[in-house]
Amino acid sequence: MADCLEAWQQCLSLNDQSLSQKDFDKFWVTVYQRFDSGSNQEKKQAGRKCNFEGSLKKSIYDFERPELVELKQFLKQLSAAKNSF
């Protein structure tokens, strides 16, 4: 369902309305968490089970992707620097 939001955004622009890219991205994640990754039972408790924290517990995100190696290294360095103070 989240991927269908592109068509919704195009519809908004045809009607002289807009949504910033930042807001669109947030909305996409919310829709993905609730409708694309939640079971029917979880959707009934979406506030608790289909939020960001619940999504992390279900491991719906692939944090082992090669594209994230550089980001993870940076965050580790940042954490080490913070802990050295």
PDB file of N, CA and C in Angstrom:
ATOM      1  N   MET A   1       0.803  -1.198   0.000  1.00  0.00           N
ATOM      2  CA  MET A   1       0.000   0.000   0.000  1.00  0.00           C
ATOM      3  C   MET A   1       0.848   1.264   0.000  1.00  0.00           C
ATOM      4  N   ALA A   2       1.963   1.219   0.699  1.00  0.00           N
ATOM      5  CA  ALA A   2       2.787   2.416   0.795  1.00  0.00           C
ATOM      6  C   ALA A   2       3.279   2.868  -0.579  1.00  0.00           C
ATOM      7  N   ASP A   3       3.585   1.922  -1.454  1.00  0.00           N
ATOM      8  CA  ASP A   3       4.070   2.294  -2.776  1.00  0.00           C
ATOM      9  C   ASP A   3       2.993   2.979  -3.613  1.00  0.00           C
ATOM     10  N   CYS A   4       1.740   2.786  -3.289  1.00  0.00           N
ATOM     11  CA  CYS A   4       0.638   3.438  -4.014  1.00  0.00           C
ATOM     12  C   CYS A   4       0.517   4.914  -3.656  1.00  0.00           C
ATOM     13  N   LEU A   5       1.217   5.360  -2.647  1.00  0.00           N
ATOM     14  CA  LEU A   5       1.135   6.755  -2.239  1.00  0.00           C
ATOM     15  C   LEU A   5       1.708   7.698  -3.293  1.00  0.00           C
ATOM     16  N   GLU A   6       2.560   7.203  -4.161  1.00  0.00           N
ATOM     17  CA  GLU A   6       3.086   8.030  -5.256  1.00  0.00           C
ATOM     18  C   GLU A   6       1.932   8.549  -6.106  1.00  0.00           C
ATOM     19  N   ALA A   7       0.966   7.678  -6.419  1.00  0.00           N
ATOM     20  CA  ALA A   7      -0.194   8.086  -7.215  1.00  0.00           C
ATOM     21  C   ALA A   7      -1.023   9.123  -6.453  1.00  0.00           C
ATOM     22  N   TRP A   8      -1.159   8.951  -5.157  1.00  0.00           N
ATOM     23  CA  TRP A   8      -1.878   9.904  -4.335  1.00  0.00           C
ATOM     24  C   TRP A   8      -1.196  11.271  -4.363  1.00  0.00           C
ATOM     25  N   GLN A   9       0.124  11.273  -4.286  1.00  0.00           N
ATOM     26  CA  GLN A   9       0.872  12.528  -4.317  1.00  0.00           C
ATOM     27  C   GLN A   9       0.706  13.217  -5.678  1.00  0.00           C
ATOM     28  N   GLN A  10       0.704  12.448  -6.752  1.00  0.00           N
ATOM     29  CA  GLN A  10       0.482  13.024  -8.076  1.00  0.00           C
ATOM     30  C   GLN A  10      -0.915  13.631  -8.169  1.00  0.00           C
ATOM     31  N   CYS A  11      -1.902  12.970  -7.592  1.00  0.00           N
ATOM     32  CA  CYS A  11      -3.263  13.482  -7.568  1.00  0.00           C
ATOM     33  C   CYS A  11      -3.327  14.815  -6.831  1.00  0.00           C
ATOM     34  N   LEU A  12      -2.606  14.916  -5.727  1.00  0.00           N
ATOM     35  CA  LEU A  12      -2.567  16.177  -4.985  1.00  0.00           C
ATOM     36  C   LEU A  12      -2.031  17.308  -5.852  1.00  0.00           C
ATOM     37  N   SER A  13      -0.964  17.021  -6.582  1.00  0.00           N
ATOM     38  CA  SER A  13      -0.362  18.076  -7.403  1.00  0.00           C
ATOM     39  C   SER A  13      -1.291  18.482  -8.544  1.00  0.00           C
ATOM     40  N   LEU A  14      -2.098  17.568  -9.060  1.00  0.00           N
ATOM     41  CA  LEU A  14      -3.060  17.908 -10.108  1.00  0.00           C
ATOM     42  C   LEU A  14      -4.147  18.838  -9.580  1.00  0.00           C
ATOM     43  N   ASN A  15      -4.401  18.791  -8.287  1.00  0.00           N
ATOM     44  CA  ASN A  15      -5.418  19.628  -7.657  1.00  0.00           C
ATOM     45  C   ASN A  15      -4.807  20.829  -6.934  1.00  0.00           C
ATOM     46  N   ASP A  16      -3.614  21.233  -7.376  1.00  0.00           N
ATOM     47  CA  ASP A  16      -2.909  22.392  -6.818  1.00  0.00           C
ATOM     48  C   ASP A  16      -2.700  22.301  -5.313  1.00  0.00           C
ATOM     49  N   GLN A  17      -2.464  21.108  -4.834  1.00  0.00           N
ATOM     50  CA  GLN A  17      -2.111  20.892  -3.438  1.00  0.00           C
ATOM     51  C   GLN A  17      -0.743  20.229  -3.418  1.00  0.00           C
ATOM     52  N   SER A  18      -0.076  20.327  -2.320  1.00  0.00           N
ATOM     53  CA  SER A  18       1.244  19.700  -2.270  1.00  0.00           C
ATOM     54  C   SER A  18       1.538  19.180  -0.875  1.00  0.00           C
ATOM     55  N   LEU A  19       2.495  18.302  -0.830  1.00  0.00           N
ATOM     56  CA  LEU A  19       2.987  17.724   0.413  1.00  0.00           C
ATOM     57  C   LEU A  19       4.502  17.731   0.291  1.00  0.00           C
ATOM     58  N   SER A  20       5.191  18.264   1.282  1.00  0.00           N
ATOM     59  CA  SER A  20       6.654  18.312   1.202  1.00  0.00           C
ATOM     60  C   SER A  20       7.210  16.894   1.142  1.00  0.00           C
ATOM     61  N   GLN A  21       8.404  16.762   0.605  1.00  0.00           N
ATOM     62  CA  GLN A  21       9.034  15.441   0.518  1.00  0.00           C
ATOM     63  C   GLN A  21       9.242  14.847   1.898  1.00  0.00           C
ATOM     64  N   LYS A  22       9.591  15.686   2.856  1.00  0.00           N
ATOM     65  CA  LYS A  22       9.801  15.215   4.229  1.00  0.00           C
ATOM     66  C   LYS A  22       8.503  14.643   4.807  1.00  0.00           C
ATOM     67  N   ASP A  23       7.394  15.370   4.638  1.00  0.00           N
ATOM     68  CA  ASP A  23       6.107  14.888   5.144  1.00  0.00           C
ATOM     69  C   ASP A  23       5.652  13.637   4.399  1.00  0.00           C
ATOM     70  N   PHE A  24       5.904  13.606   3.092  1.00  0.00           N
ATOM     71  CA  PHE A  24       5.541  12.424   2.308  1.00  0.00           C
ATOM     72  C   PHE A  24       6.312  11.201   2.808  1.00  0.00           C
ATOM     73  N   ASP A  25       7.610  11.366   3.056  1.00  0.00           N
ATOM     74  CA  ASP A  25       8.426  10.245   3.541  1.00  0.00           C
ATOM     75  C   ASP A  25       7.935   9.733   4.894  1.00  0.00           C
ATOM     76  N   LYS A  26       7.586  10.650   5.791  1.00  0.00           N
ATOM     77  CA  LYS A  26       7.057  10.246   7.095  1.00  0.00           C
ATOM     78  C   LYS A  26       5.747   9.478   6.936  1.00  0.00           C
ATOM     79  N   PHE A  27       4.885   9.989   6.062  1.00  0.00           N
ATOM     80  CA  PHE A  27       3.600   9.342   5.835  1.00  0.00           C
ATOM     81  C   PHE A  27       3.797   7.969   5.216  1.00  0.00           C
ATOM     82  N   TRP A  28       4.746   7.853   4.277  1.00  0.00           N
ATOM     83  CA  TRP A  28       5.026   6.572   3.629  1.00  0.00           C
ATOM     84  C   TRP A  28       5.435   5.539   4.680  1.00  0.00           C
ATOM     85  N   VAL A  29       6.322   5.918   5.598  1.00  0.00           N
ATOM     86  CA  VAL A  29       6.789   4.998   6.642  1.00  0.00           C
ATOM     87  C   VAL A  29       5.625   4.575   7.525  1.00  0.00           C
ATOM     88  N   THR A  30       4.774   5.524   7.885  1.00  0.00           N
ATOM     89  CA  THR A  30       3.618   5.205   8.728  1.00  0.00           C
ATOM     90  C   THR A  30       2.693   4.203   8.043  1.00  0.00           C
ATOM     91  N   VAL A  31       2.416   4.438   6.773  1.00  0.00           N
ATOM     92  CA  VAL A  31       1.541   3.522   6.025  1.00  0.00           C
ATOM     93  C   VAL A  31       2.208   2.156   5.897  1.00  0.00           C
ATOM     94  N   TYR A  32       3.501   2.137   5.628  1.00  0.00           N
ATOM     95  CA  TYR A  32       4.228   0.871   5.508  1.00  0.00           C
ATOM     96  C   TYR A  32       4.158   0.080   6.817  1.00  0.00           C
ATOM     97  N   GLN A  33       4.395   0.757   7.928  1.00  0.00           N
ATOM     98  CA  GLN A  33       4.382   0.074   9.222  1.00  0.00           C
ATOM     99  C   GLN A  33       3.008  -0.501   9.535  1.00  0.00           C
ATOM    100  N   ARG A  34       1.972   0.253   9.228  1.00  0.00           N
ATOM    101  CA  ARG A  34       0.633  -0.183   9.617  1.00  0.00           C
ATOM    102  C   ARG A  34       0.015  -1.174   8.635  1.00  0.00           C
ATOM    103  N   PHE A  35       0.084  -0.883   7.349  1.00  0.00           N
ATOM    104  CA  PHE A  35      -0.658  -1.675   6.380  1.00  0.00           C
ATOM    105  C   PHE A  35       0.168  -2.737   5.660  1.00  0.00           C
ATOM    106  N   ASP A  36       1.463  -2.481   5.483  1.00  0.00           N
ATOM    107  CA  ASP A  36       2.278  -3.429   4.723  1.00  0.00           C
ATOM    108  C   ASP A  36       3.014  -4.425   5.605  1.00  0.00           C
ATOM    109  N   SER A  37       3.192  -4.114   6.877  1.00  0.00           N
ATOM    110  CA  SER A  37       3.956  -5.031   7.721  1.00  0.00           C
ATOM    111  C   SER A  37       3.169  -5.551   8.921  1.00  0.00           C
ATOM    112  N   GLY A  38       1.990  -5.026   9.150  1.00  0.00           N
ATOM    113  CA  GLY A  38       1.209  -5.467  10.297  1.00  0.00           C
ATOM    114  C   GLY A  38       0.203  -6.548   9.921  1.00  0.00           C
ATOM    115  N   SER A  39       0.033  -7.496  10.807  1.00  0.00           N
ATOM    116  CA  SER A  39      -0.987  -8.525  10.589  1.00  0.00           C
ATOM    117  C   SER A  39      -2.358  -7.911  10.875  1.00  0.00           C
ATOM    118  N   ASN A  40      -3.404  -8.604  10.507  1.00  0.00           N
ATOM    119  CA  ASN A  40      -4.751  -8.094  10.774  1.00  0.00           C
ATOM    120  C   ASN A  40      -4.972  -7.876  12.266  1.00  0.00           C
ATOM    121  N   GLN A  41      -4.453  -8.766  13.081  1.00  0.00           N
ATOM    122  CA  GLN A  41      -4.583  -8.631  14.539  1.00  0.00           C
ATOM    123  C   GLN A  41      -3.816  -7.405  15.032  1.00  0.00           C
ATOM    124  N   GLU A  42      -2.609  -7.192  14.497  1.00  0.00           N
ATOM    125  CA  GLU A  42      -1.806  -6.044  14.915  1.00  0.00           C
ATOM    126  C   GLU A  42      -2.448  -4.730  14.486  1.00  0.00           C
ATOM    127  N   LYS A  43      -3.087  -4.733  13.326  1.00  0.00           N
ATOM    128  CA  LYS A  43      -3.723  -3.503  12.833  1.00  0.00           C
ATOM    129  C   LYS A  43      -4.820  -3.030  13.774  1.00  0.00           C
ATOM    130  N   LYS A  44      -5.427  -3.946  14.502  1.00  0.00           N
ATOM    131  CA  LYS A  44      -6.468  -3.560  15.462  1.00  0.00           C
ATOM    132  C   LYS A  44      -5.866  -2.805  16.646  1.00  0.00           C
ATOM    133  N   GLN A  45      -4.571  -2.986  16.880  1.00  0.00           N
ATOM    134  CA  GLN A  45      -3.856  -2.300  17.960  1.00  0.00           C
ATOM    135  C   GLN A  45      -2.706  -1.493  17.351  1.00  0.00           C
ATOM    136  N   ALA A  46      -3.004  -0.798  16.265  1.00  0.00           N
ATOM    137  CA  ALA A  46      -1.969  -0.127  15.479  1.00  0.00           C
ATOM    138  C   ALA A  46      -1.142   0.864  16.294  1.00  0.00           C
ATOM    139  N   GLY A  47      -1.772   1.573  17.203  1.00  0.00           N
ATOM    140  CA  GLY A  47      -1.026   2.543  18.006  1.00  0.00           C
ATOM    141  C   GLY A  47       0.082   1.918  18.816  1.00  0.00           C
ATOM    142  N   ARG A  48      -0.088   0.662  19.172  1.00  0.00           N
ATOM    143  CA  ARG A  48       0.895  -0.033  20.003  1.00  0.00           C
ATOM    144  C   ARG A  48       1.765  -0.986  19.190  1.00  0.00           C
ATOM    145  N   LYS A  49       1.189  -1.626  18.197  1.00  0.00           N
ATOM    146  CA  LYS A  49       1.900  -2.687  17.490  1.00  0.00           C
ATOM    147  C   LYS A  49       2.474  -2.261  16.131  1.00  0.00           C
ATOM    148  N   CYS A  50       1.952  -1.193  15.545  1.00  0.00           N
ATOM    149  CA  CYS A  50       2.399  -0.780  14.208  1.00  0.00           C
ATOM    150  C   CYS A  50       3.097   0.574  14.235  1.00  0.00           C
ATOM    151  N   ASN A  51       3.663   0.932  15.371  1.00  0.00           N
ATOM    152  CA  ASN A  51       4.421   2.171  15.461  1.00  0.00           C
ATOM    153  C   ASN A  51       5.898   1.875  15.191  1.00  0.00           C
ATOM    154  N   PHE A  52       6.740   2.888  15.334  1.00  0.00           N
ATOM    155  CA  PHE A  52       8.153   2.702  15.020  1.00  0.00           C
ATOM    156  C   PHE A  52       8.807   1.656  15.920  1.00  0.00           C
ATOM    157  N   GLU A  53       8.542   1.740  17.210  1.00  0.00           N
ATOM    158  CA  GLU A  53       9.144   0.787  18.151  1.00  0.00           C
ATOM    159  C   GLU A  53       8.700  -0.643  17.846  1.00  0.00           C
ATOM    160  N   GLY A  54       7.415  -0.822  17.593  1.00  0.00           N
ATOM    161  CA  GLY A  54       6.897  -2.148  17.251  1.00  0.00           C
ATOM    162  C   GLY A  54       7.505  -2.684  15.975  1.00  0.00           C
ATOM    163  N   SER A  55       7.735  -1.788  15.015  1.00  0.00           N
ATOM    164  CA  SER A  55       8.335  -2.203  13.745  1.00  0.00           C
ATOM    165  C   SER A  55       9.768  -2.678  13.930  1.00  0.00           C
ATOM    166  N   LEU A  56      10.489  -2.030  14.817  1.00  0.00           N
ATOM    167  CA  LEU A  56      11.864  -2.466  15.077  1.00  0.00           C
ATOM    168  C   LEU A  56      11.893  -3.846  15.715  1.00  0.00           C
ATOM    169  N   LYS A  57      10.924  -4.136  16.569  1.00  0.00           N
ATOM    170  CA  LYS A  57      10.862  -5.448  17.208  1.00  0.00           C
ATOM    171  C   LYS A  57      10.535  -6.554  16.216  1.00  0.00           C
ATOM    172  N   LYS A  58       9.802  -6.204  15.149  1.00  0.00           N
ATOM    173  CA  LYS A  58       9.420  -7.197  14.141  1.00  0.00           C
ATOM    174  C   LYS A  58      10.496  -7.379  13.076  1.00  0.00           C
ATOM    175  N   SER A  59      11.512  -6.555  13.109  1.00  0.00           N
ATOM    176  CA  SER A  59      12.614  -6.631  12.134  1.00  0.00           C
ATOM    177  C   SER A  59      12.122  -6.510  10.696  1.00  0.00           C
ATOM    178  N   ILE A  60      11.298  -5.496  10.422  1.00  0.00           N
ATOM    179  CA  ILE A  60      10.820  -5.303   9.052  1.00  0.00           C
ATOM    180  C   ILE A  60      11.803  -4.492   8.218  1.00  0.00           C
ATOM    181  N   TYR A  61      12.810  -3.928   8.874  1.00  0.00           N
ATOM    182  CA  TYR A  61      13.817  -3.148   8.164  1.00  0.00           C
ATOM    183  C   TYR A  61      15.096  -3.951   8.048  1.00  0.00           C
ATOM    184  N   ASP A  62      15.769  -3.830   6.920  1.00  0.00           N
ATOM    185  CA  ASP A  62      17.014  -4.547   6.672  1.00  0.00           C
ATOM    186  C   ASP A  62      18.188  -3.623   6.971  1.00  0.00           C
ATOM    187  N   PHE A  63      18.687  -3.697   8.198  1.00  0.00           N
ATOM    188  CA  PHE A  63      19.799  -2.851   8.600  1.00  0.00           C
ATOM    189  C   PHE A  63      21.157  -3.426   8.195  1.00  0.00           C
ATOM    190  N   GLU A  64      21.157  -4.568   7.545  1.00  0.00           N
ATOM    191  CA  GLU A  64      22.410  -5.197   7.119  1.00  0.00           C
ATOM    192  C   GLU A  64      22.706  -4.935   5.641  1.00  0.00           C
ATOM    193  N   ARG A  65      21.967  -4.055   5.031  1.00  0.00           N
ATOM    194  CA  ARG A  65      22.179  -3.734   3.618  1.00  0.00           C
ATOM    195  C   ARG A  65      23.558  -3.122   3.420  1.00  0.00           C
ATOM    196  N   PRO A  66      24.234  -3.428   2.328  1.00  0.00           N
ATOM    197  CA  PRO A  66      25.562  -2.875   2.075  1.00  0.00           C
ATOM    198  C   PRO A  66      25.580  -1.340   2.044  1.00  0.00           C
ATOM    199  N   GLU A  67      24.485  -0.737   1.626  1.00  0.00           N
ATOM    200  CA  GLU A  67      24.419   0.723   1.543  1.00  0.00           C
ATOM    201  C   GLU A  67      24.513   1.389   2.912  1.00  0.00           C
ATOM    202  N   LEU A  68      24.285   0.631   3.972  1.00  0.00           N
ATOM    203  CA  LEU A  68      24.276   1.206   5.319  1.00  0.00           C
ATOM    204  C   LEU A  68      25.597   1.039   6.067  1.00  0.00           C
ATOM    205  N   VAL A  69      26.563   0.383   5.465  1.00  0.00           N
ATOM    206  CA  VAL A  69      27.841   0.123   6.130  1.00  0.00           C
ATOM    207  C   VAL A  69      28.511   1.436   6.539  1.00  0.00           C
ATOM    208  N   GLU A  70      28.576   2.374   5.625  1.00  0.00           N
ATOM    209  CA  GLU A  70      29.231   3.651   5.916  1.00  0.00           C
ATOM    210  C   GLU A  70      28.499   4.416   7.020  1.00  0.00           C
ATOM    211  N   LEU A  71      27.183   4.413   6.979  1.00  0.00           N
ATOM    212  CA  LEU A  71      26.397   5.087   8.013  1.00  0.00           C
ATOM    213  C   LEU A  71      26.622   4.438   9.373  1.00  0.00           C
ATOM    214  N   LYS A  72      26.631   3.117   9.425  1.00  0.00           N
ATOM    215  CA  LYS A  72      26.840   2.421  10.697  1.00  0.00           C
ATOM    216  C   LYS A  72      28.227   2.719  11.259  1.00  0.00           C
ATOM    217  N   GLN A  73      29.233   2.793  10.391  1.00  0.00           N
ATOM    218  CA  GLN A  73      30.584   3.114  10.856  1.00  0.00           C
ATOM    219  C   GLN A  73      30.636   4.522  11.439  1.00  0.00           C
ATOM    220  N   PHE A  74      29.976   5.456  10.765  1.00  0.00           N
ATOM    221  CA  PHE A  74      29.935   6.832  11.249  1.00  0.00           C
ATOM    222  C   PHE A  74      29.251   6.902  12.615  1.00  0.00           C
ATOM    223  N   LEU A  75      28.128   6.222  12.767  1.00  0.00           N
ATOM    224  CA  LEU A  75      27.399   6.247  14.030  1.00  0.00           C
ATOM    225  C   LEU A  75      28.200   5.605  15.151  1.00  0.00           C
ATOM    226  N   LYS A  76      28.950   4.555  14.846  1.00  0.00           N
ATOM    227  CA  LYS A  76      29.800   3.940  15.858  1.00  0.00           C
ATOM    228  C   LYS A  76      30.890   4.900  16.312  1.00  0.00           C
ATOM    229  N   GLN A  77      31.502   5.618  15.358  1.00  0.00           N
ATOM    230  CA  GLN A  77      32.526   6.598  15.698  1.00  0.00           C
ATOM    231  C   GLN A  77      31.945   7.727  16.535  1.00  0.00           C
ATOM    232  N   LEU A  78      30.756   8.172  16.165  1.00  0.00           N
ATOM    233  CA  LEU A  78      30.084   9.230  16.904  1.00  0.00           C
ATOM    234  C   LEU A  78      29.773   8.785  18.329  1.00  0.00           C
ATOM    235  N   SER A  79      29.322   7.560  18.474  1.00  0.00           N
ATOM    236  CA  SER A  79      29.018   7.026  19.795  1.00  0.00           C
ATOM    237  C   SER A  79      30.277   6.885  20.632  1.00  0.00           C
ATOM    238  N   ALA A  80      31.360   6.436  20.011  1.00  0.00           N
ATOM    239  CA  ALA A  80      32.624   6.284  20.739  1.00  0.00           C
ATOM    240  C   ALA A  80      33.138   7.640  21.187  1.00  0.00           C
ATOM    241  N   ALA A  81      33.010   8.641  20.322  1.00  0.00           N
ATOM    242  CA  ALA A  81      33.467   9.990  20.682  1.00  0.00           C
ATOM    243  C   ALA A  81      32.635  10.558  21.817  1.00  0.00           C
ATOM    244  N   LYS A  82      31.333  10.315  21.785  1.00  0.00           N
ATOM    245  CA  LYS A  82      30.447  10.801  22.845  1.00  0.00           C
ATOM    246  C   LYS A  82      30.812  10.141  24.184  1.00  0.00           C
ATOM    247  N   ASN A  83      31.116   8.857  24.152  1.00  0.00           N
ATOM    248  CA  ASN A  83      31.447   8.127  25.384  1.00  0.00           C
ATOM    249  C   ASN A  83      32.812   8.491  25.936  1.00  0.00           C
ATOM    250  N   SER A  84      33.672   9.094  25.123  1.00  0.00           N
ATOM    251  CA  SER A  84      35.011   9.436  25.596  1.00  0.00           C
ATOM    252  C   SER A  84      35.026  10.762  26.375  1.00  0.00           C
ATOM    253  N   PHE A  85      33.921  11.515  26.328  1.00  0.00           N
ATOM    254  CA  PHE A  85      33.872  12.777  27.052  1.00  0.00           C
ATOM    255  C   PHE A  85      33.665  12.557  28.485  1.00  0.00           C
TER     256      PHE A  85
END
